[in-house]
Amino acid sequence: MIAFMQYLIKYALLIPFQESHGVTISLSHFNFFLLVLSTILIAAGGYVINDINDIETDRINKPSKLIVTKNISEKDAYSLFMAFNIIGVGLGFYLTYGIGKTSFFAIFFIASALLYIYSTSLKQIAVVGNIVVSIVVALSIVLVGVFELIPAMNVNNEAVQTTFINIIKDYAIFAFLINLVREMVKDIEDIEGDKKTEIQTLPVLLGKTKSNKIVFIISLLPILSITYYVITYLFKQLPVVGYFLILVIAPLIYASIKLFNAKEKSEYKQISLIYKLVMLTGMLSLILYYYILK
């Protein structure tokens, strides 16, 4: 999903507007591939360390999906975690050096460190862990704008570059909000395992009923934000408005309604899947910018 989102930004949002709008990009096709590879390696490292720290919880919450200790030893998992991060961060340094912006290297280091700290300690703090992992998801989107647009910015193209950076920023906020709600829904889904392993998530502290209501209120944020965005920027493009209404806003409203009264683990799993699909349909809307910016 991360790789797909990044490729969409470059090939559906930036490259099509090089000639018509004067968008200037910095990375070659190969270097962009390295950027994507770096991102997914760091993300994969985050998944590995998370699985290592979640062995006992996963035995309860999702025993059929347990990988560490079942399909791979804990020692080998640690080796994978180290290898993914070293290669991912190393590629990040190579790219930042290549575009003459070595300060950007901090993004890769911070993302890697945040995923490690999240898995080892922050996920045990109610809501904080959810916010941190959602920030990392948003960073993976912002990263494309940072590497493609900022190094190529000059006095002549500043307005155009800034416009497209703002579009990418809006999608990063969208990804942050959707992922935040989804992470909180998953916490409610995994309440039994988290309770037994003493992970202090919001549902463990407040119970399912109160958590449902809180997450329901938070789930209104992406609905209101996207509705505002569509009304403010896209209202003249009826097909685009229709796309957002049917494939983004309507599923989000449905998920919020389901969430308000959800009780069973299977219901939370379905709601989580809806948010995942909305993340996909939301990012696919980048293809529509060919018509929006005509």
C-alpha atoms as a PDB file:
ATOM      1  CA  MET A   1       0.000   0.000   0.000  1.00  0.00           C
ATOM      2  CA  ILE A   2       2.832   2.402   0.890  1.00  0.00           C
ATOM      3  CA  ALA A   3       4.697   1.701  -2.365  1.00  0.00           C
ATOM      4  CA  PHE A   4       1.473   2.045  -4.359  1.00  0.00           C
ATOM      5  CA  MET A   5       0.683   5.419  -2.750  1.00  0.00           C
ATOM      6  CA  GLN A   6       4.156   6.746  -3.474  1.00  0.00           C
ATOM      7  CA  TYR A   7       4.078   5.635  -7.112  1.00  0.00           C
ATOM      8  CA  LEU A   8       0.639   7.204  -7.542  1.00  0.00           C
ATOM      9  CA  ILE A   9       1.931  10.565  -6.335  1.00  0.00           C
ATOM     10  CA  LYS A  10       4.837  10.572  -8.792  1.00  0.00           C
ATOM     11  CA  TYR A  11       3.164   9.028 -11.837  1.00  0.00           C
ATOM     12  CA  ALA A  12      -0.442  10.227 -11.439  1.00  0.00           C
ATOM     13  CA  LEU A  13       0.078  13.631  -9.815  1.00  0.00           C
ATOM     14  CA  LEU A  14       3.542  14.979 -10.683  1.00  0.00           C
ATOM     15  CA  ILE A  15       4.735  13.619 -14.040  1.00  0.00           C
ATOM     16  CA  PRO A  16       1.453  14.334 -15.940  1.00  0.00           C
ATOM     17  CA  PHE A  17       1.777  18.046 -15.067  1.00  0.00           C
ATOM     18  CA  GLN A  18       5.407  18.588 -16.006  1.00  0.00           C
ATOM     19  CA  GLU A  19       4.610  20.140 -19.379  1.00  0.00           C
ATOM     20  CA  SER A  20       1.169  21.614 -18.766  1.00  0.00           C
ATOM     21  CA  HIS A  21       1.893  23.217 -15.375  1.00  0.00           C
ATOM     22  CA  GLY A  22       5.680  23.340 -15.240  1.00  0.00           C
ATOM     23  CA  VAL A  23       6.115  20.876 -12.367  1.00  0.00           C
ATOM     24  CA  THR A  24       9.808  20.073 -11.903  1.00  0.00           C
ATOM     25  CA  ILE A  25      10.860  16.795 -10.288  1.00  0.00           C
ATOM     26  CA  SER A  26      14.250  15.770  -8.933  1.00  0.00           C
ATOM     27  CA  LEU A  27      14.519  11.980  -8.966  1.00  0.00           C
ATOM     28  CA  SER A  28      15.128   9.683 -11.923  1.00  0.00           C
ATOM     29  CA  HIS A  29      12.900   6.611 -12.255  1.00  0.00           C
ATOM     30  CA  PHE A  30      15.611   4.443 -10.688  1.00  0.00           C
ATOM     31  CA  ASN A  31      16.290   6.802  -7.781  1.00  0.00           C
ATOM     32  CA  PHE A  32      12.568   7.035  -7.124  1.00  0.00           C
ATOM     33  CA  PHE A  33      12.473   3.234  -7.003  1.00  0.00           C
ATOM     34  CA  LEU A  34      15.257   3.424  -4.386  1.00  0.00           C
ATOM     35  CA  LEU A  35      13.191   5.952  -2.392  1.00  0.00           C
ATOM     36  CA  VAL A  36      10.214   3.598  -2.413  1.00  0.00           C
ATOM     37  CA  LEU A  37      12.431   0.619  -1.563  1.00  0.00           C
ATOM     38  CA  SER A  38      13.985   2.533   1.341  1.00  0.00           C
ATOM     39  CA  THR A  39      10.532   3.419   2.671  1.00  0.00           C
ATOM     40  CA  ILE A  40       9.128  -0.100   2.506  1.00  0.00           C
ATOM     41  CA  LEU A  41      12.274  -1.617   4.031  1.00  0.00           C
ATOM     42  CA  ILE A  42      11.992   0.719   7.028  1.00  0.00           C
ATOM     43  CA  ALA A  43       8.263  -0.051   7.249  1.00  0.00           C
ATOM     44  CA  ALA A  44       9.007  -3.788   7.012  1.00  0.00           C
ATOM     45  CA  GLY A  45      11.554  -3.414   9.794  1.00  0.00           C
ATOM     46  CA  GLY A  46       8.839  -1.751  11.866  1.00  0.00           C
ATOM     47  CA  TYR A  47       6.511  -4.689  11.236  1.00  0.00           C
ATOM     48  CA  VAL A  48       9.200  -7.188  12.242  1.00  0.00           C
ATOM     49  CA  ILE A  49      10.076  -5.504  15.559  1.00  0.00           C
ATOM     50  CA  ASN A  50       6.353  -5.105  16.228  1.00  0.00           C
ATOM     51  CA  ASP A  51       5.793  -8.836  15.655  1.00  0.00           C
ATOM     52  CA  ILE A  52       8.703  -9.654  17.980  1.00  0.00           C
ATOM     53  CA  ASN A  53       7.232  -7.529  20.765  1.00  0.00           C
ATOM     54  CA  ASP A  54       3.710  -8.804  20.113  1.00  0.00           C
ATOM     55  CA  ILE A  55       4.421 -12.549  20.293  1.00  0.00           C
ATOM     56  CA  GLU A  56       2.364 -13.133  23.445  1.00  0.00           C
ATOM     57  CA  THR A  57      -0.420 -10.759  22.389  1.00  0.00           C
ATOM     58  CA  ASP A  58      -0.679 -12.335  18.919  1.00  0.00           C
ATOM     59  CA  ARG A  59      -0.947 -15.816  20.444  1.00  0.00           C
ATOM     60  CA  ILE A  60      -4.296 -14.632  21.842  1.00  0.00           C
ATOM     61  CA  ASN A  61      -5.535 -12.100  19.263  1.00  0.00           C
ATOM     62  CA  LYS A  62      -4.500 -13.781  15.991  1.00  0.00           C
ATOM     63  CA  PRO A  63      -2.840 -17.177  16.556  1.00  0.00           C
ATOM     64  CA  SER A  64      -3.278 -18.148  12.891  1.00  0.00           C
ATOM     65  CA  LYS A  65      -1.188 -15.140  11.807  1.00  0.00           C
ATOM     66  CA  LEU A  66       1.642 -15.651  14.301  1.00  0.00           C
ATOM     67  CA  ILE A  67       4.923 -15.618  12.354  1.00  0.00           C
ATOM     68  CA  VAL A  68       7.758 -15.070  14.844  1.00  0.00           C
ATOM     69  CA  THR A  69       8.470 -18.321  16.768  1.00  0.00           C
ATOM     70  CA  LYS A  70       6.108 -20.212  14.457  1.00  0.00           C
ATOM     71  CA  ASN A  71       7.630 -19.684  10.972  1.00  0.00           C
ATOM     72  CA  ILE A  72      10.819 -17.875  11.931  1.00  0.00           C
ATOM     73  CA  SER A  73      12.914 -17.778  15.099  1.00  0.00           C
ATOM     74  CA  GLU A  74      13.089 -14.659  17.238  1.00  0.00           C
ATOM     75  CA  LYS A  75      16.842 -14.423  16.577  1.00  0.00           C
ATOM     76  CA  ASP A  76      16.336 -14.505  12.791  1.00  0.00           C
ATOM     77  CA  ALA A  77      13.557 -11.935  13.129  1.00  0.00           C
ATOM     78  CA  TYR A  78      15.948  -9.568  14.927  1.00  0.00           C
ATOM     79  CA  SER A  79      18.484 -10.101  12.139  1.00  0.00           C
ATOM     80  CA  LEU A  80      15.830  -9.193   9.553  1.00  0.00           C
ATOM     81  CA  PHE A  81      14.870  -6.103  11.544  1.00  0.00           C
ATOM     82  CA  MET A  82      18.495  -4.923  11.612  1.00  0.00           C
ATOM     83  CA  ALA A  83      19.073  -5.710   7.919  1.00  0.00           C
ATOM     84  CA  PHE A  84      15.891  -3.942   6.744  1.00  0.00           C
ATOM     85  CA  ASN A  85      16.698  -0.810   8.750  1.00  0.00           C
ATOM     86  CA  ILE A  86      20.378  -0.640   7.839  1.00  0.00           C
ATOM     87  CA  ILE A  87      19.632  -1.024   4.119  1.00  0.00           C
ATOM     88  CA  GLY A  88      16.588   1.292   4.248  1.00  0.00           C
ATOM     89  CA  VAL A  89      18.344   4.086   6.148  1.00  0.00           C
ATOM     90  CA  GLY A  90      21.503   3.573   4.050  1.00  0.00           C
ATOM     91  CA  LEU A  91      19.525   4.035   0.832  1.00  0.00           C
ATOM     92  CA  GLY A  92      17.996   7.156   2.365  1.00  0.00           C
ATOM     93  CA  PHE A  93      21.448   8.606   2.995  1.00  0.00           C
ATOM     94  CA  TYR A  94      22.521   7.761  -0.586  1.00  0.00           C
ATOM     95  CA  LEU A  95      19.489   9.595  -1.985  1.00  0.00           C
ATOM     96  CA  THR A  96      19.864  12.665   0.225  1.00  0.00           C
ATOM     97  CA  TYR A  97      23.538  12.906  -0.713  1.00  0.00           C
ATOM     98  CA  GLY A  98      22.656  12.563  -4.411  1.00  0.00           C
ATOM     99  CA  ILE A  99      20.230  15.517  -4.397  1.00  0.00           C
ATOM    100  CA  GLY A 100      22.503  17.646  -2.199  1.00  0.00           C
ATOM    101  CA  LYS A 101      20.060  17.720   0.725  1.00  0.00           C
ATOM    102  CA  THR A 102      21.817  15.638   3.382  1.00  0.00           C
ATOM    103  CA  SER A 103      19.619  17.188   6.087  1.00  0.00           C
ATOM    104  CA  PHE A 104      16.693  15.188   4.639  1.00  0.00           C
ATOM    105  CA  PHE A 105      18.437  12.062   5.943  1.00  0.00           C
ATOM    106  CA  ALA A 106      16.877  12.828   9.315  1.00  0.00           C
ATOM    107  CA  ILE A 107      13.459  11.784   7.937  1.00  0.00           C
ATOM    108  CA  PHE A 108      14.592   8.190   7.403  1.00  0.00           C
ATOM    109  CA  PHE A 109      16.337   8.017  10.765  1.00  0.00           C
ATOM    110  CA  ILE A 110      13.340   9.498  12.613  1.00  0.00           C
ATOM    111  CA  ALA A 111      10.879   7.127  10.872  1.00  0.00           C
ATOM    112  CA  SER A 112      13.034   4.102  11.761  1.00  0.00           C
ATOM    113  CA  ALA A 113      13.493   5.269  15.358  1.00  0.00           C
ATOM    114  CA  LEU A 114       9.777   6.061  15.796  1.00  0.00           C
ATOM    115  CA  LEU A 115       8.742   2.580  14.610  1.00  0.00           C
ATOM    116  CA  TYR A 116      11.197   0.982  17.029  1.00  0.00           C
ATOM    117  CA  ILE A 117      10.136   3.160  19.979  1.00  0.00           C
ATOM    118  CA  TYR A 118       6.477   2.590  19.064  1.00  0.00           C
ATOM    119  CA  SER A 119       6.871  -1.193  19.138  1.00  0.00           C
ATOM    120  CA  THR A 120       8.934  -1.320  22.324  1.00  0.00           C
ATOM    121  CA  SER A 121       7.190   1.277  24.481  1.00  0.00           C
ATOM    122  CA  LEU A 122       4.837   3.854  22.901  1.00  0.00           C
ATOM    123  CA  LYS A 123       2.188   1.339  21.814  1.00  0.00           C
ATOM    124  CA  GLN A 124       1.596   0.656  25.515  1.00  0.00           C
ATOM    125  CA  ILE A 125       0.517   4.268  26.041  1.00  0.00           C
ATOM    126  CA  ALA A 126      -3.125   4.850  25.142  1.00  0.00           C
ATOM    127  CA  VAL A 127      -3.615   6.809  21.870  1.00  0.00           C
ATOM    128  CA  VAL A 128       0.047   7.951  21.746  1.00  0.00           C
ATOM    129  CA  GLY A 129       1.102   4.788  19.902  1.00  0.00           C
ATOM    130  CA  ASN A 130      -1.781   5.194  17.442  1.00  0.00           C
ATOM    131  CA  ILE A 131      -0.736   8.781  16.702  1.00  0.00           C
ATOM    132  CA  VAL A 132       2.940   7.845  16.219  1.00  0.00           C
ATOM    133  CA  VAL A 133       2.307   5.056  13.703  1.00  0.00           C
ATOM    134  CA  SER A 134      -0.141   7.304  11.820  1.00  0.00           C
ATOM    135  CA  ILE A 135       2.511  10.035  11.640  1.00  0.00           C
ATOM    136  CA  VAL A 136       4.916   7.532  10.057  1.00  0.00           C
ATOM    137  CA  VAL A 137       2.280   6.609   7.438  1.00  0.00           C
ATOM    138  CA  ALA A 138       1.758  10.303   6.652  1.00  0.00           C
ATOM    139  CA  LEU A 139       5.535  10.784   6.433  1.00  0.00           C
ATOM    140  CA  SER A 140       5.767   8.128   3.716  1.00  0.00           C
ATOM    141  CA  ILE A 141       3.491  10.321   1.562  1.00  0.00           C
ATOM    142  CA  VAL A 142       5.130  13.654   2.404  1.00  0.00           C
ATOM    143  CA  LEU A 143       8.487  12.058   1.568  1.00  0.00           C
ATOM    144  CA  VAL A 144       7.662  12.070  -2.149  1.00  0.00           C
ATOM    145  CA  GLY A 145       7.001  15.818  -2.173  1.00  0.00           C
ATOM    146  CA  VAL A 146      10.099  16.502  -0.089  1.00  0.00           C
ATOM    147  CA  PHE A 147      12.406  14.572  -2.433  1.00  0.00           C
ATOM    148  CA  GLU A 148      10.772  15.350  -5.760  1.00  0.00           C
ATOM    149  CA  LEU A 149       9.663  18.980  -5.459  1.00  0.00           C
ATOM    150  CA  ILE A 150      11.700  20.844  -2.848  1.00  0.00           C
ATOM    151  CA  PRO A 151      15.201  20.254  -4.348  1.00  0.00           C
ATOM    152  CA  ALA A 152      13.943  21.449  -7.758  1.00  0.00           C
ATOM    153  CA  MET A 153      12.248  24.568  -6.384  1.00  0.00           C
ATOM    154  CA  ASN A 154      13.457  27.979  -7.563  1.00  0.00           C
ATOM    155  CA  VAL A 155      12.121  31.517  -7.951  1.00  0.00           C
ATOM    156  CA  ASN A 156      10.500  30.723 -11.307  1.00  0.00           C
ATOM    157  CA  ASN A 157       8.567  27.605 -10.281  1.00  0.00           C
ATOM    158  CA  GLU A 158       8.000  28.236  -6.571  1.00  0.00           C
ATOM    159  CA  ALA A 159       4.242  28.831  -6.913  1.00  0.00           C
ATOM    160  CA  VAL A 160       3.666  25.637  -8.924  1.00  0.00           C
ATOM    161  CA  GLN A 161       5.894  23.487  -6.711  1.00  0.00           C
ATOM    162  CA  THR A 162       4.193  24.836  -3.579  1.00  0.00           C
ATOM    163  CA  THR A 163       0.738  24.070  -5.002  1.00  0.00           C
ATOM    164  CA  PHE A 164       1.648  20.428  -5.577  1.00  0.00           C
ATOM    165  CA  ILE A 165       3.389  20.161  -2.205  1.00  0.00           C
ATOM    166  CA  ASN A 166       0.137  21.360  -0.615  1.00  0.00           C
ATOM    167  CA  ILE A 167      -1.857  18.716  -2.502  1.00  0.00           C
ATOM    168  CA  ILE A 168       0.519  16.022  -1.227  1.00  0.00           C
ATOM    169  CA  LYS A 169       0.277  17.494   2.279  1.00  0.00           C
ATOM    170  CA  ASP A 170      -3.539  17.257   2.137  1.00  0.00           C
ATOM    171  CA  TYR A 171      -3.324  13.586   1.174  1.00  0.00           C
ATOM    172  CA  ALA A 172      -0.839  12.993   4.010  1.00  0.00           C
ATOM    173  CA  ILE A 173      -3.354  14.492   6.463  1.00  0.00           C
ATOM    174  CA  PHE A 174      -6.050  12.236   4.959  1.00  0.00           C
ATOM    175  CA  ALA A 175      -3.802   9.177   5.424  1.00  0.00           C
ATOM    176  CA  PHE A 176      -2.999  10.238   8.997  1.00  0.00           C
ATOM    177  CA  LEU A 177      -6.668  10.576   9.979  1.00  0.00           C
ATOM    178  CA  ILE A 178      -7.797   7.333   8.327  1.00  0.00           C
ATOM    179  CA  ASN A 179      -4.900   5.367   9.785  1.00  0.00           C
ATOM    180  CA  LEU A 180      -5.443   6.876  13.251  1.00  0.00           C
ATOM    181  CA  VAL A 181      -9.068   5.737  13.337  1.00  0.00           C
ATOM    182  CA  ARG A 182      -8.126   2.308  11.943  1.00  0.00           C
ATOM    183  CA  GLU A 183      -5.390   1.828  14.566  1.00  0.00           C
ATOM    184  CA  MET A 184      -7.848   2.706  17.333  1.00  0.00           C
ATOM    185  CA  VAL A 185     -10.430   0.290  15.900  1.00  0.00           C
ATOM    186  CA  LYS A 186      -7.774  -2.446  15.847  1.00  0.00           C
ATOM    187  CA  ASP A 187      -7.054  -1.733  19.522  1.00  0.00           C
ATOM    188  CA  ILE A 188     -10.708  -2.401  20.353  1.00  0.00           C
ATOM    189  CA  GLU A 189     -10.582  -5.561  18.219  1.00  0.00           C
ATOM    190  CA  ASP A 190      -7.470  -6.760  20.102  1.00  0.00           C
ATOM    191  CA  ILE A 191      -8.657  -5.848  23.589  1.00  0.00           C
ATOM    192  CA  GLU A 192      -8.501  -9.398  24.987  1.00  0.00           C
ATOM    193  CA  GLY A 193      -4.869 -10.029  24.096  1.00  0.00           C
ATOM    194  CA  ASP A 194      -3.813  -6.510  25.123  1.00  0.00           C
ATOM    195  CA  LYS A 195      -5.552  -6.881  28.490  1.00  0.00           C
ATOM    196  CA  LYS A 196      -3.833 -10.194  29.265  1.00  0.00           C
ATOM    197  CA  THR A 197      -0.406  -8.857  28.289  1.00  0.00           C
ATOM    198  CA  GLU A 198      -1.041  -5.590  30.194  1.00  0.00           C
ATOM    199  CA  ILE A 199      -0.779  -3.229  27.208  1.00  0.00           C
ATOM    200  CA  GLN A 200      -2.548  -0.048  28.276  1.00  0.00           C
ATOM    201  CA  THR A 201      -4.528   0.801  25.156  1.00  0.00           C
ATOM    202  CA  LEU A 202      -7.620   3.009  25.294  1.00  0.00           C
ATOM    203  CA  PRO A 203     -10.076   0.054  25.295  1.00  0.00           C
ATOM    204  CA  VAL A 204      -8.130  -1.674  28.099  1.00  0.00           C
ATOM    205  CA  LEU A 205      -8.277   1.505  30.218  1.00  0.00           C
ATOM    206  CA  LEU A 206     -11.855   2.581  29.453  1.00  0.00           C
ATOM    207  CA  GLY A 207     -13.572  -0.554  28.165  1.00  0.00           C
ATOM    208  CA  LYS A 208     -15.202  -1.260  24.800  1.00  0.00           C
ATOM    209  CA  THR A 209     -18.325   0.861  25.235  1.00  0.00           C
ATOM    210  CA  LYS A 210     -16.578   4.134  26.115  1.00  0.00           C
ATOM    211  CA  SER A 211     -13.830   3.505  23.555  1.00  0.00           C
ATOM    212  CA  ASN A 212     -16.455   2.940  20.860  1.00  0.00           C
ATOM    213  CA  LYS A 213     -17.944   6.363  21.531  1.00  0.00           C
ATOM    214  CA  ILE A 214     -14.560   8.116  21.597  1.00  0.00           C
ATOM    215  CA  VAL A 215     -13.369   6.452  18.371  1.00  0.00           C
ATOM    216  CA  PHE A 216     -16.763   7.207  16.799  1.00  0.00           C
ATOM    217  CA  ILE A 217     -16.244  10.940  17.512  1.00  0.00           C
ATOM    218  CA  ILE A 218     -12.689  10.797  16.102  1.00  0.00           C
ATOM    219  CA  SER A 219     -14.017   8.943  13.028  1.00  0.00           C
ATOM    220  CA  LEU A 220     -16.067  12.038  12.180  1.00  0.00           C
ATOM    221  CA  LEU A 221     -12.868  14.065  11.621  1.00  0.00           C
ATOM    222  CA  PRO A 222     -11.930  12.475   8.259  1.00  0.00           C
ATOM    223  CA  ILE A 223     -15.570  12.688   7.122  1.00  0.00           C
ATOM    224  CA  LEU A 224     -15.783  16.404   7.930  1.00  0.00           C
ATOM    225  CA  SER A 225     -12.292  17.133   6.554  1.00  0.00           C
ATOM    226  CA  ILE A 226     -12.881  15.385   3.219  1.00  0.00           C
ATOM    227  CA  THR A 227     -16.355  16.911   2.851  1.00  0.00           C
ATOM    228  CA  TYR A 228     -14.857  20.373   3.431  1.00  0.00           C
ATOM    229  CA  TYR A 229     -12.081  19.647   0.908  1.00  0.00           C
ATOM    230  CA  VAL A 230     -14.564  18.509  -1.751  1.00  0.00           C
ATOM    231  CA  ILE A 231     -16.893  21.487  -1.211  1.00  0.00           C
ATOM    232  CA  THR A 232     -14.027  24.010  -1.158  1.00  0.00           C
ATOM    233  CA  TYR A 233     -11.826  22.771  -4.006  1.00  0.00           C
ATOM    234  CA  LEU A 234     -13.713  20.273  -6.158  1.00  0.00           C
ATOM    235  CA  PHE A 235     -17.376  21.337  -6.202  1.00  0.00           C
ATOM    236  CA  LYS A 236     -17.256  22.391  -9.889  1.00  0.00           C
ATOM    237  CA  GLN A 237     -16.090  18.917 -10.976  1.00  0.00           C
ATOM    238  CA  LEU A 238     -19.261  16.824 -10.646  1.00  0.00           C
ATOM    239  CA  PRO A 239     -17.713  13.453 -11.633  1.00  0.00           C
ATOM    240  CA  VAL A 240     -14.942  14.011  -9.073  1.00  0.00           C
ATOM    241  CA  VAL A 241     -17.477  14.992  -6.395  1.00  0.00           C
ATOM    242  CA  GLY A 242     -19.412  11.815  -7.238  1.00  0.00           C
ATOM    243  CA  TYR A 243     -16.253   9.731  -6.867  1.00  0.00           C
ATOM    244  CA  PHE A 244     -15.510  11.149  -3.404  1.00  0.00           C
ATOM    245  CA  LEU A 245     -19.122  10.842  -2.256  1.00  0.00           C
ATOM    246  CA  ILE A 246     -19.523   7.210  -3.345  1.00  0.00           C
ATOM    247  CA  LEU A 247     -16.055   5.738  -2.783  1.00  0.00           C
ATOM    248  CA  VAL A 248     -14.687   7.790   0.116  1.00  0.00           C
ATOM    249  CA  ILE A 249     -17.290   9.690   2.144  1.00  0.00           C
ATOM    250  CA  ALA A 250     -20.127   7.112   2.005  1.00  0.00           C
ATOM    251  CA  PRO A 251     -17.930   4.187   3.206  1.00  0.00           C
ATOM    252  CA  LEU A 252     -16.563   6.393   6.007  1.00  0.00           C
ATOM    253  CA  ILE A 253     -20.107   7.268   7.158  1.00  0.00           C
ATOM    254  CA  TYR A 254     -21.062   3.585   6.995  1.00  0.00           C
ATOM    255  CA  ALA A 255     -17.977   2.620   9.051  1.00  0.00           C
ATOM    256  CA  SER A 256     -18.801   5.273  11.682  1.00  0.00           C
ATOM    257  CA  ILE A 257     -22.393   4.047  11.995  1.00  0.00           C
ATOM    258  CA  LYS A 258     -21.166   0.433  12.330  1.00  0.00           C
ATOM    259  CA  LEU A 259     -18.592   1.529  14.886  1.00  0.00           C
ATOM    260  CA  PHE A 260     -21.146   3.257  17.115  1.00  0.00           C
ATOM    261  CA  ASN A 261     -22.906  -0.023  17.885  1.00  0.00           C
ATOM    262  CA  ALA A 262     -20.123  -2.570  17.270  1.00  0.00           C
ATOM    263  CA  LYS A 263     -19.603  -5.280  19.894  1.00  0.00           C
ATOM    264  CA  GLU A 264     -18.137  -8.381  18.243  1.00  0.00           C
ATOM    265  CA  LYS A 265     -14.536  -8.891  17.139  1.00  0.00           C
ATOM    266  CA  SER A 266     -15.753  -9.701  13.596  1.00  0.00           C
ATOM    267  CA  GLU A 267     -17.486  -6.301  13.393  1.00  0.00           C
ATOM    268  CA  TYR A 268     -14.298  -4.428  14.293  1.00  0.00           C
ATOM    269  CA  LYS A 269     -12.395  -6.490  11.748  1.00  0.00           C
ATOM    270  CA  GLN A 270     -14.894  -5.475   9.048  1.00  0.00           C
ATOM    271  CA  ILE A 271     -14.691  -1.801  10.063  1.00  0.00           C
ATOM    272  CA  SER A 272     -10.879  -1.953   9.940  1.00  0.00           C
ATOM    273  CA  LEU A 273     -11.080  -3.416   6.425  1.00  0.00           C
ATOM    274  CA  ILE A 274     -13.395  -0.595   5.318  1.00  0.00           C
ATOM    275  CA  TYR A 275     -10.846   1.984   6.472  1.00  0.00           C
ATOM    276  CA  LYS A 276      -8.107   0.141   4.629  1.00  0.00           C
ATOM    277  CA  LEU A 277     -10.178   0.170   1.421  1.00  0.00           C
ATOM    278  CA  VAL A 278     -10.994   3.867   1.876  1.00  0.00           C
ATOM    279  CA  MET A 279      -7.276   4.569   2.168  1.00  0.00           C
ATOM    280  CA  LEU A 280      -6.923   2.882  -1.233  1.00  0.00           C
ATOM    281  CA  THR A 281      -9.859   4.647  -2.924  1.00  0.00           C
ATOM    282  CA  GLY A 282      -8.747   7.950  -1.419  1.00  0.00           C
ATOM    283  CA  MET A 283      -5.252   7.615  -2.860  1.00  0.00           C
ATOM    284  CA  LEU A 284      -6.628   6.439  -6.235  1.00  0.00           C
ATOM    285  CA  SER A 285      -8.414   9.794  -6.480  1.00  0.00           C
ATOM    286  CA  LEU A 286      -4.995  11.253  -7.397  1.00  0.00           C
ATOM    287  CA  ILE A 287      -5.668   9.932 -10.906  1.00  0.00           C
ATOM    288  CA  LEU A 288      -8.570  12.389 -11.127  1.00  0.00           C
ATOM    289  CA  TYR A 289      -6.266  15.403 -10.857  1.00  0.00           C
ATOM    290  CA  TYR A 290      -5.732  15.147 -14.603  1.00  0.00           C
ATOM    291  CA  TYR A 291      -9.325  16.406 -14.907  1.00  0.00           C
ATOM    292  CA  ILE A 292      -9.326  18.648 -11.814  1.00  0.00           C
ATOM    293  CA  LEU A 293      -6.306  20.717 -12.935  1.00  0.00           C
ATOM    294  CA  LYS A 294      -7.156  20.952 -16.640  1.00  0.00           C
END
